[in-house]
Amino acid sequence: MIARIRLVPFVVWRVLIHSMLVGLGMSFFDVLFNFFLVSQGYATDTIGVLSTVARIAGLIVGIPVGRFIDRVGARRALMTAVVLYVVALIVVIFAPNRLVLMAGQFLVGCAFAMLFSAMFPLLSLVTPHAQQPTVFGFNEAALNMTGLVGSIIAGWLPSVLAPWLQVGDQSTMAYRAALLIGIMVLFCAALPLLGDMPYAVDTHDANNVPLVAAPERKTSRIVLYGLAGFLIGMGSGTFFPFQSLFLRTQFALSDAQVGTFLSFGGVALGIGAIMAGHFMGQRDLRIWSSVFRILAAPALLCLLAPVIWVAMLGFILRAMLIGASIALNDVLTMRLVNPQQRGFASSIWNMTWAAGWAITSTLSGYMQPYYGFTLLIILGAVAYVLSGVSIWLFQREEA
């Protein structure tokens, strides 16, 4: 692995540093945003609706975003997305009422869609073919393992800032101050993208086989490739918009303990992505991406255990398996389409994922007060299995 790391060009490290800063800034919101909303008097139905608004925004702007990326280039689109993200988050945390909050969340969804639609086409362009599985694993790790630092810091920040602000550690002001620090970190993610970024030029793969660009795909075929993303979005949307609230209510954890718990998930996801990229990257990407996703289903079901160590074990194992599956599937899907379609294709796949997330996060927000999380987590596990099956059936090389 060390030998492969040394071969990674400096331009690729710039993208990876960008991803680290994005993951670090977003981890503040993963831990604290729901608590921030609760401190303002909002209930779980509002939290679910806000998550849905962001995903619907991704659906609405998905195709224009894809065309924009292919037109102006992935690097410029990525920098635009970071700036828009920062502006949108500022609107969200200073929103005076629910209407402005939803409008800000809509902008967050637009920025999120552009950021993650542009990231993988850029990585594909700057990374040599033989190193792509390893680098995509590193990128997934960079996005999530920085959560180890970010989640722990975010969990402790309100209690650290509260005395300085002369407020309670679960007050709106304390949460807002902590989230502002996360926004500043996110803004810094644009800095590594400044300047030219030379593209990798490959003629042969790692086995010295001549590389041939994938043919241009029909839109219907690209959408079919994205079915796996729709299903994994459904699986994750049942639980993960509410994971901090789940941990607080199910196991009576403090904010700091919640942050620590979530940080283990980010580290595990990153480890899974790195290990898969290194050991499975030159094997059948479709097989392993499918298998890992199916195995994540029983791990998710461990969250239903009343014993915290069993829930934590399942939480960590699920993250490792999903991280491994995503890292391999990102490489696979970028190779299935023509380079001139990657921005459009990536946005379509983000749209399908957002649609799945929007459906189940809304359902989850309304069902929790009446049924709790049990039925929803079971639904999520079923969706994970179907997502793995979808990869196996549809993400083939045929035209």
Protein backbone atom coordinates (compact mmCIF):
# COMPACT_ATOMS: atom_id res chain seq x y z
CA MET A 1 0.00 0.00 0.00
CA ILE A 2 2.88 2.38 0.80
CA ALA A 3 4.23 1.93 -2.72
CA ARG A 4 0.86 2.85 -4.20
CA ILE A 5 0.58 5.92 -2.00
CA ARG A 6 3.95 7.18 -3.24
CA LEU A 7 2.72 6.93 -6.84
CA VAL A 8 -0.30 9.18 -6.23
CA PRO A 9 0.29 12.52 -8.02
CA PHE A 10 0.29 15.75 -5.99
CA VAL A 11 -2.77 17.03 -7.86
CA VAL A 12 -4.74 14.06 -6.51
CA TRP A 13 -3.68 14.91 -2.96
CA ARG A 14 -5.13 18.38 -3.46
CA VAL A 15 -8.53 16.83 -4.19
CA LEU A 16 -8.18 14.52 -1.20
CA ILE A 17 -7.36 17.48 1.10
CA HIS A 18 -10.47 19.18 -0.24
CA SER A 19 -12.49 16.09 0.67
CA MET A 20 -10.99 15.98 4.16
CA LEU A 21 -12.06 19.57 4.82
CA VAL A 22 -15.53 18.93 3.40
CA GLY A 23 -15.94 15.89 5.64
CA LEU A 24 -14.64 17.78 8.66
CA GLY A 25 -17.00 20.72 8.17
CA MET A 26 -20.02 18.54 7.46
CA SER A 27 -19.40 16.40 10.55
CA PHE A 28 -20.28 19.40 12.75
CA PHE A 29 -23.75 19.41 11.22
CA ASP A 30 -24.10 15.62 11.43
CA VAL A 31 -23.71 15.82 15.20
CA LEU A 32 -25.24 19.16 16.14
CA PHE A 33 -27.80 20.26 13.59
CA ASN A 34 -30.67 18.17 14.94
CA PHE A 35 -29.88 19.37 18.46
CA PHE A 36 -29.82 22.94 17.14
CA LEU A 37 -33.30 22.47 15.67
CA VAL A 38 -34.63 20.89 18.87
CA SER A 39 -33.24 23.83 20.88
CA GLN A 40 -35.43 26.09 18.73
CA GLY A 41 -38.52 24.03 19.47
CA TYR A 42 -38.74 22.01 16.25
CA ALA A 43 -39.91 18.38 16.41
CA THR A 44 -38.89 15.24 14.50
CA ASP A 45 -41.46 15.81 11.76
CA THR A 46 -39.78 19.13 10.92
CA ILE A 47 -36.35 17.50 10.95
CA GLY A 48 -37.61 14.88 8.50
CA VAL A 49 -39.18 17.51 6.24
CA LEU A 50 -35.96 19.54 6.20
CA SER A 51 -33.96 16.49 5.19
CA THR A 52 -36.51 15.86 2.46
CA VAL A 53 -36.35 19.46 1.22
CA ALA A 54 -32.60 19.14 0.70
CA ARG A 55 -33.03 15.90 -1.25
CA ILE A 56 -35.86 17.34 -3.35
CA ALA A 57 -33.61 20.27 -4.21
CA GLY A 58 -31.05 17.75 -5.46
CA LEU A 59 -33.73 16.15 -7.61
CA ILE A 60 -34.85 19.46 -9.10
CA VAL A 61 -31.40 20.79 -9.98
CA GLY A 62 -29.77 17.44 -10.71
CA ILE A 63 -29.88 17.51 -14.51
CA PRO A 64 -28.94 21.23 -14.84
CA VAL A 65 -26.09 20.65 -12.37
CA GLY A 66 -24.80 17.74 -14.45
CA ARG A 67 -24.88 19.80 -17.64
CA PHE A 68 -23.16 22.66 -15.79
CA ILE A 69 -20.34 20.38 -14.63
CA ASP A 70 -19.72 19.01 -18.13
CA ARG A 71 -19.81 22.56 -19.53
CA VAL A 72 -17.55 24.50 -17.12
CA GLY A 73 -15.44 21.63 -15.82
CA ALA A 74 -15.52 19.64 -12.59
CA ARG A 75 -12.98 21.81 -10.73
CA ARG A 76 -14.84 25.09 -11.25
CA ALA A 77 -18.14 23.44 -10.44
CA LEU A 78 -16.69 22.03 -7.22
CA MET A 79 -15.44 25.45 -6.08
CA THR A 80 -18.83 27.00 -6.90
CA ALA A 81 -20.53 24.29 -4.86
CA VAL A 82 -18.39 24.99 -1.77
CA VAL A 83 -19.17 28.72 -1.85
CA LEU A 84 -22.89 28.06 -2.33
CA TYR A 85 -22.81 25.51 0.51
CA VAL A 86 -21.29 28.05 2.90
CA VAL A 87 -23.86 30.72 2.02
CA ALA A 88 -26.74 28.25 2.36
CA LEU A 89 -25.61 27.01 5.78
CA ILE A 90 -25.31 30.56 7.07
CA VAL A 91 -28.89 31.17 5.98
CA VAL A 92 -30.00 27.97 7.75
CA ILE A 93 -28.45 28.70 11.14
CA PHE A 94 -29.66 32.30 11.21
CA ALA A 95 -33.14 31.63 9.77
CA PRO A 96 -35.74 33.62 11.76
CA ASN A 97 -38.62 31.28 10.93
CA ARG A 98 -39.45 27.91 9.40
CA LEU A 99 -40.02 29.31 5.89
CA VAL A 100 -36.54 30.83 5.67
CA LEU A 101 -35.12 27.68 7.24
CA MET A 102 -36.66 25.56 4.49
CA ALA A 103 -35.44 27.97 1.81
CA GLY A 104 -31.91 27.75 3.20
CA GLN A 105 -32.16 23.97 3.34
CA PHE A 106 -33.20 23.97 -0.31
CA LEU A 107 -29.99 25.83 -1.16
CA VAL A 108 -28.05 23.33 0.95
CA GLY A 109 -29.51 20.54 -1.19
CA CYS A 110 -28.51 22.34 -4.41
CA ALA A 111 -24.94 22.83 -3.16
CA PHE A 112 -24.71 19.24 -1.93
CA ALA A 113 -25.88 17.92 -5.30
CA MET A 114 -23.32 19.99 -7.19
CA LEU A 115 -20.47 19.16 -4.81
CA PHE A 116 -20.88 15.40 -4.90
CA SER A 117 -21.74 15.34 -8.60
CA ALA A 118 -18.50 17.16 -9.47
CA MET A 119 -16.15 15.43 -7.04
CA PHE A 120 -15.94 12.01 -8.70
CA PRO A 121 -15.59 13.23 -12.30
CA LEU A 122 -12.68 15.42 -11.13
CA LEU A 123 -11.03 12.51 -9.34
CA SER A 124 -11.46 10.35 -12.45
CA LEU A 125 -9.75 12.99 -14.58
CA VAL A 126 -6.70 13.58 -12.37
CA THR A 127 -6.09 9.98 -11.19
CA PRO A 128 -4.22 7.42 -13.31
CA HIS A 129 -6.41 4.42 -14.20
CA ALA A 130 -4.44 1.86 -12.18
CA GLN A 131 -4.63 4.00 -9.02
CA GLN A 132 -8.33 4.84 -9.19
CA PRO A 133 -9.64 2.13 -6.82
CA THR A 134 -7.04 3.06 -4.19
CA VAL A 135 -7.59 6.81 -4.61
CA PHE A 136 -11.39 6.51 -4.56
CA GLY A 137 -11.03 4.54 -1.34
CA PHE A 138 -8.82 7.28 0.07
CA ASN A 139 -11.38 9.88 -0.97
CA GLU A 140 -14.23 8.06 0.77
CA ALA A 141 -12.00 7.79 3.82
CA ALA A 142 -11.10 11.48 3.64
CA LEU A 143 -14.77 12.41 3.60
CA ASN A 144 -15.62 10.24 6.57
CA MET A 145 -12.56 9.59 8.73
CA THR A 146 -12.15 13.30 9.38
CA GLY A 147 -15.47 12.83 11.14
CA LEU A 148 -13.48 11.19 13.93
CA VAL A 149 -12.00 14.59 14.70
CA GLY A 150 -15.00 16.63 13.65
CA SER A 151 -17.62 14.62 15.52
CA ILE A 152 -15.64 14.59 18.76
CA ILE A 153 -14.90 18.31 18.53
CA ALA A 154 -18.49 19.09 17.60
CA GLY A 155 -19.82 17.04 20.49
CA TRP A 156 -17.74 18.97 23.02
CA LEU A 157 -17.85 22.45 21.46
CA PRO A 158 -21.25 23.62 22.79
CA SER A 159 -20.22 22.92 26.37
CA VAL A 160 -16.88 24.65 25.77
CA LEU A 161 -18.39 27.71 24.09
CA ALA A 162 -21.41 28.05 26.40
CA PRO A 163 -19.53 29.64 29.37
CA TRP A 164 -17.92 32.18 27.07
CA LEU A 165 -21.31 33.07 25.61
CA GLN A 166 -22.95 32.94 29.08
CA VAL A 167 -25.64 30.54 27.89
CA GLY A 168 -26.58 26.91 28.52
CA ASP A 169 -24.67 24.19 26.70
CA GLN A 170 -27.88 23.04 24.97
CA SER A 171 -28.97 26.53 23.98
CA THR A 172 -29.50 27.74 20.42
CA MET A 173 -26.65 30.24 20.73
CA ALA A 174 -24.12 27.60 21.81
CA TYR A 175 -25.09 25.28 18.97
CA ARG A 176 -25.05 28.13 16.43
CA ALA A 177 -21.53 29.20 17.47
CA ALA A 178 -20.27 25.63 17.09
CA LEU A 179 -21.91 25.27 13.67
CA LEU A 180 -20.29 28.52 12.51
CA ILE A 181 -16.89 26.97 13.16
CA GLY A 182 -17.91 24.03 10.97
CA ILE A 183 -18.92 26.45 8.21
CA MET A 184 -15.50 28.13 8.37
CA VAL A 185 -13.81 24.75 7.94
CA LEU A 186 -16.04 23.98 4.97
CA PHE A 187 -15.13 27.28 3.31
CA CYS A 188 -11.43 26.34 3.52
CA ALA A 189 -12.23 23.29 1.34
CA ALA A 190 -12.18 25.54 -1.73
CA LEU A 191 -8.53 26.54 -1.21
CA PRO A 192 -6.84 23.29 -2.40
CA LEU A 193 -8.76 23.58 -5.68
CA LEU A 194 -7.24 26.93 -6.63
CA GLY A 195 -4.90 26.87 -9.62
CA ASP A 196 -4.51 24.48 -12.54
CA MET A 197 -5.06 20.74 -12.09
CA PRO A 198 -3.39 18.67 -14.85
CA TYR A 199 -5.32 15.60 -15.96
CA ALA A 200 -3.91 12.08 -16.02
CA VAL A 201 -3.36 10.63 -19.51
CA ASP A 202 -3.53 6.83 -19.63
CA THR A 203 -3.25 4.55 -22.65
CA HIS A 204 -3.10 1.18 -20.82
CA ASP A 205 -4.47 -0.22 -17.59
CA ALA A 206 -2.53 -1.94 -14.78
CA ASN A 207 -2.35 -5.18 -16.85
CA ASN A 208 -0.99 -3.31 -19.91
CA VAL A 209 -4.30 -3.71 -21.72
CA PRO A 210 -5.13 -0.74 -24.01
CA LEU A 211 -7.79 1.49 -22.51
CA VAL A 212 -10.90 2.16 -24.53
CA ALA A 213 -13.35 4.83 -23.40
CA ALA A 214 -16.83 3.59 -22.58
CA PRO A 215 -19.41 4.33 -25.30
CA GLU A 216 -21.92 7.10 -24.83
CA ARG A 217 -24.82 5.74 -22.80
CA LYS A 218 -28.52 6.43 -23.15
CA THR A 219 -30.08 8.38 -20.31
CA SER A 220 -32.31 5.41 -19.48
CA ARG A 221 -29.22 3.22 -19.05
CA ILE A 222 -27.55 5.77 -16.77
CA VAL A 223 -30.69 5.94 -14.63
CA LEU A 224 -30.73 2.14 -14.42
CA TYR A 225 -27.15 2.21 -13.14
CA GLY A 226 -28.40 4.64 -10.48
CA LEU A 227 -31.08 2.29 -9.13
CA ALA A 228 -28.59 0.99 -6.56
CA GLY A 229 -28.11 4.54 -5.32
CA PHE A 230 -31.87 5.04 -5.01
CA LEU A 231 -32.18 1.93 -2.88
CA ILE A 232 -29.22 2.72 -0.63
CA GLY A 233 -30.67 6.22 -0.23
CA MET A 234 -33.89 4.62 0.95
CA GLY A 235 -31.97 2.40 3.35
CA SER A 236 -29.99 5.24 4.90
CA GLY A 237 -32.85 7.76 4.96
CA THR A 238 -34.83 5.68 7.44
CA PHE A 239 -32.29 6.21 10.21
CA PHE A 240 -29.34 8.47 9.52
CA PRO A 241 -31.08 11.88 9.45
CA PHE A 242 -32.12 11.03 13.03
CA GLN A 243 -29.12 9.05 14.27
CA SER A 244 -28.10 11.61 16.91
CA LEU A 245 -31.64 11.73 18.32
CA PHE A 246 -31.86 7.93 18.23
CA LEU A 247 -28.69 7.56 20.28
CA ARG A 248 -29.77 10.19 22.79
CA THR A 249 -33.21 8.63 23.37
CA GLN A 250 -32.36 4.93 22.98
CA PHE A 251 -29.25 4.86 25.16
CA ALA A 252 -29.51 8.16 27.11
CA LEU A 253 -26.17 9.43 25.74
CA SER A 254 -24.92 12.99 26.20
CA ASP A 255 -24.05 15.24 23.24
CA ALA A 256 -20.34 14.49 23.68
CA GLN A 257 -21.00 10.74 23.85
CA VAL A 258 -23.15 10.93 20.71
CA GLY A 259 -20.33 12.73 18.91
CA THR A 260 -17.85 10.06 19.97
CA PHE A 261 -20.21 7.24 18.94
CA LEU A 262 -20.75 8.76 15.49
CA SER A 263 -17.04 9.33 15.03
CA PHE A 264 -16.45 5.56 15.18
CA GLY A 265 -18.80 5.17 12.24
CA GLY A 266 -16.85 7.69 10.18
CA VAL A 267 -13.55 5.97 10.93
CA ALA A 268 -14.99 2.54 10.13
CA LEU A 269 -16.42 3.76 6.83
CA GLY A 270 -13.05 5.19 5.90
CA ILE A 271 -11.19 2.01 6.84
CA GLY A 272 -13.60 -0.07 4.77
CA ALA A 273 -13.12 2.22 1.77
CA ILE A 274 -9.31 2.13 1.98
CA MET A 275 -9.10 -1.64 2.46
CA ALA A 276 -11.53 -2.32 -0.40
CA GLY A 277 -9.72 0.06 -2.74
CA HIS A 278 -6.37 -1.55 -1.95
CA PHE A 279 -7.25 -5.25 -1.86
CA MET A 280 -10.35 -5.49 -4.09
CA GLY A 281 -9.68 -2.67 -6.55
CA GLN A 282 -8.11 -4.89 -9.23
CA ARG A 283 -10.74 -7.62 -8.85
CA ASP A 284 -14.37 -7.71 -9.95
CA LEU A 285 -15.72 -4.36 -8.79
CA ARG A 286 -19.32 -5.37 -9.44
CA ILE A 287 -19.22 -8.57 -7.38
CA TRP A 288 -17.61 -7.09 -4.29
CA SER A 289 -19.58 -3.87 -4.34
CA SER A 290 -22.76 -5.94 -4.38
CA VAL A 291 -21.67 -8.42 -1.69
CA PHE A 292 -20.51 -5.76 0.76
CA ARG A 293 -23.79 -3.88 0.43
CA ILE A 294 -25.88 -7.00 1.10
CA LEU A 295 -23.81 -7.88 4.18
CA ALA A 296 -24.43 -4.39 5.57
CA ALA A 297 -28.11 -5.27 6.13
CA PRO A 298 -27.67 -7.60 9.15
CA ALA A 299 -25.14 -5.15 10.59
CA LEU A 300 -27.77 -2.39 10.44
CA LEU A 301 -30.25 -4.62 12.26
CA CYS A 302 -27.83 -4.78 15.24
CA LEU A 303 -28.93 -1.22 16.07
CA LEU A 304 -32.16 -2.74 17.35
CA ALA A 305 -30.29 -4.51 20.15
CA PRO A 306 -30.99 -3.08 23.62
CA VAL A 307 -27.32 -3.47 24.58
CA ILE A 308 -25.15 -0.54 23.51
CA TRP A 309 -22.03 -2.57 22.70
CA VAL A 310 -23.99 -4.74 20.25
CA ALA A 311 -25.49 -1.65 18.63
CA MET A 312 -22.04 -0.06 18.38
CA LEU A 313 -20.56 -3.20 16.83
CA GLY A 314 -23.32 -3.26 14.21
CA PHE A 315 -22.94 0.49 13.62
CA ILE A 316 -19.20 0.11 12.97
CA LEU A 317 -19.54 -3.03 10.84
CA ARG A 318 -22.28 -1.46 8.71
CA ALA A 319 -20.08 1.57 8.12
CA MET A 320 -17.09 -0.55 7.06
CA LEU A 321 -19.16 -2.57 4.60
CA ILE A 322 -20.94 0.42 3.11
CA GLY A 323 -17.64 2.31 2.84
CA ALA A 324 -16.10 -0.62 0.97
CA SER A 325 -19.09 -0.95 -1.33
CA ILE A 326 -19.29 2.77 -2.14
CA ALA A 327 -15.58 3.09 -2.88
CA LEU A 328 -15.69 0.22 -5.38
CA ASN A 329 -19.00 1.26 -6.89
CA ASP A 330 -17.83 4.86 -7.47
CA VAL A 331 -14.97 3.57 -9.63
CA LEU A 332 -17.25 1.12 -11.42
CA THR A 333 -19.89 3.71 -12.28
CA MET A 334 -17.34 6.25 -13.53
CA ARG A 335 -15.94 3.59 -15.88
CA LEU A 336 -19.36 2.59 -17.20
CA VAL A 337 -19.96 5.91 -18.97
CA ASN A 338 -18.12 8.01 -21.51
CA PRO A 339 -15.86 10.71 -19.94
CA GLN A 340 -17.97 13.42 -21.60
CA GLN A 341 -21.03 12.15 -19.71
CA ARG A 342 -19.51 11.80 -16.25
CA GLY A 343 -20.83 15.05 -14.83
CA PHE A 344 -24.33 14.35 -16.12
CA ALA A 345 -24.20 10.72 -14.99
CA SER A 346 -22.89 11.60 -11.54
CA SER A 347 -25.71 14.10 -11.07
CA ILE A 348 -28.30 11.52 -12.16
CA TRP A 349 -26.92 9.05 -9.60
CA ASN A 350 -27.03 11.72 -6.90
CA MET A 351 -30.63 12.46 -7.90
CA THR A 352 -31.67 8.84 -7.53
CA TRP A 353 -29.93 8.62 -4.14
CA ALA A 354 -31.62 11.85 -3.04
CA ALA A 355 -35.02 10.52 -4.13
CA GLY A 356 -34.62 7.39 -2.03
CA TRP A 357 -33.41 9.39 0.98
CA ALA A 358 -36.27 11.90 0.63
CA ILE A 359 -38.94 9.21 0.61
CA THR A 360 -37.81 7.34 3.69
CA SER A 361 -36.58 10.31 5.74
CA THR A 362 -40.02 11.92 5.42
CA LEU A 363 -41.70 8.63 6.28
CA SER A 364 -39.36 8.17 9.22
CA GLY A 365 -40.01 11.65 10.63
CA TYR A 366 -43.75 11.03 10.78
CA MET A 367 -43.63 7.40 11.92
CA GLN A 368 -41.16 7.71 14.78
CA PRO A 369 -43.56 9.28 17.31
CA TYR A 370 -45.95 6.35 16.83
CA TYR A 371 -43.83 3.31 15.98
CA GLY A 372 -40.26 4.15 17.01
CA PHE A 373 -37.30 3.05 14.92
CA THR A 374 -37.76 -0.74 14.75
CA LEU A 375 -39.86 -0.99 11.60
CA LEU A 376 -37.83 1.73 9.89
CA ILE A 377 -34.48 0.06 10.50
CA ILE A 378 -35.87 -3.23 9.15
CA LEU A 379 -37.02 -1.34 6.05
CA GLY A 380 -33.52 0.10 5.72
CA ALA A 381 -31.93 -3.36 5.89
CA VAL A 382 -34.24 -4.65 3.13
CA ALA A 383 -33.30 -1.66 0.97
CA TYR A 384 -29.57 -2.42 1.44
CA VAL A 385 -30.09 -5.98 0.19
CA LEU A 386 -32.05 -4.79 -2.85
CA SER A 387 -29.35 -2.21 -3.59
CA GLY A 388 -26.69 -4.92 -3.67
CA VAL A 389 -28.84 -7.08 -5.94
CA SER A 390 -29.35 -4.08 -8.25
CA ILE A 391 -25.58 -3.62 -8.67
CA TRP A 392 -25.18 -7.27 -9.58
CA LEU A 393 -28.04 -7.28 -12.09
CA PHE A 394 -27.67 -3.96 -13.88
CA GLN A 395 -24.22 -2.38 -13.55
CA ARG A 396 -22.69 -4.30 -16.42
CA GLU A 397 -20.43 -3.24 -19.26
CA GLU A 398 -22.95 -4.02 -22.02
CA ALA A 399 -24.38 -1.14 -23.99
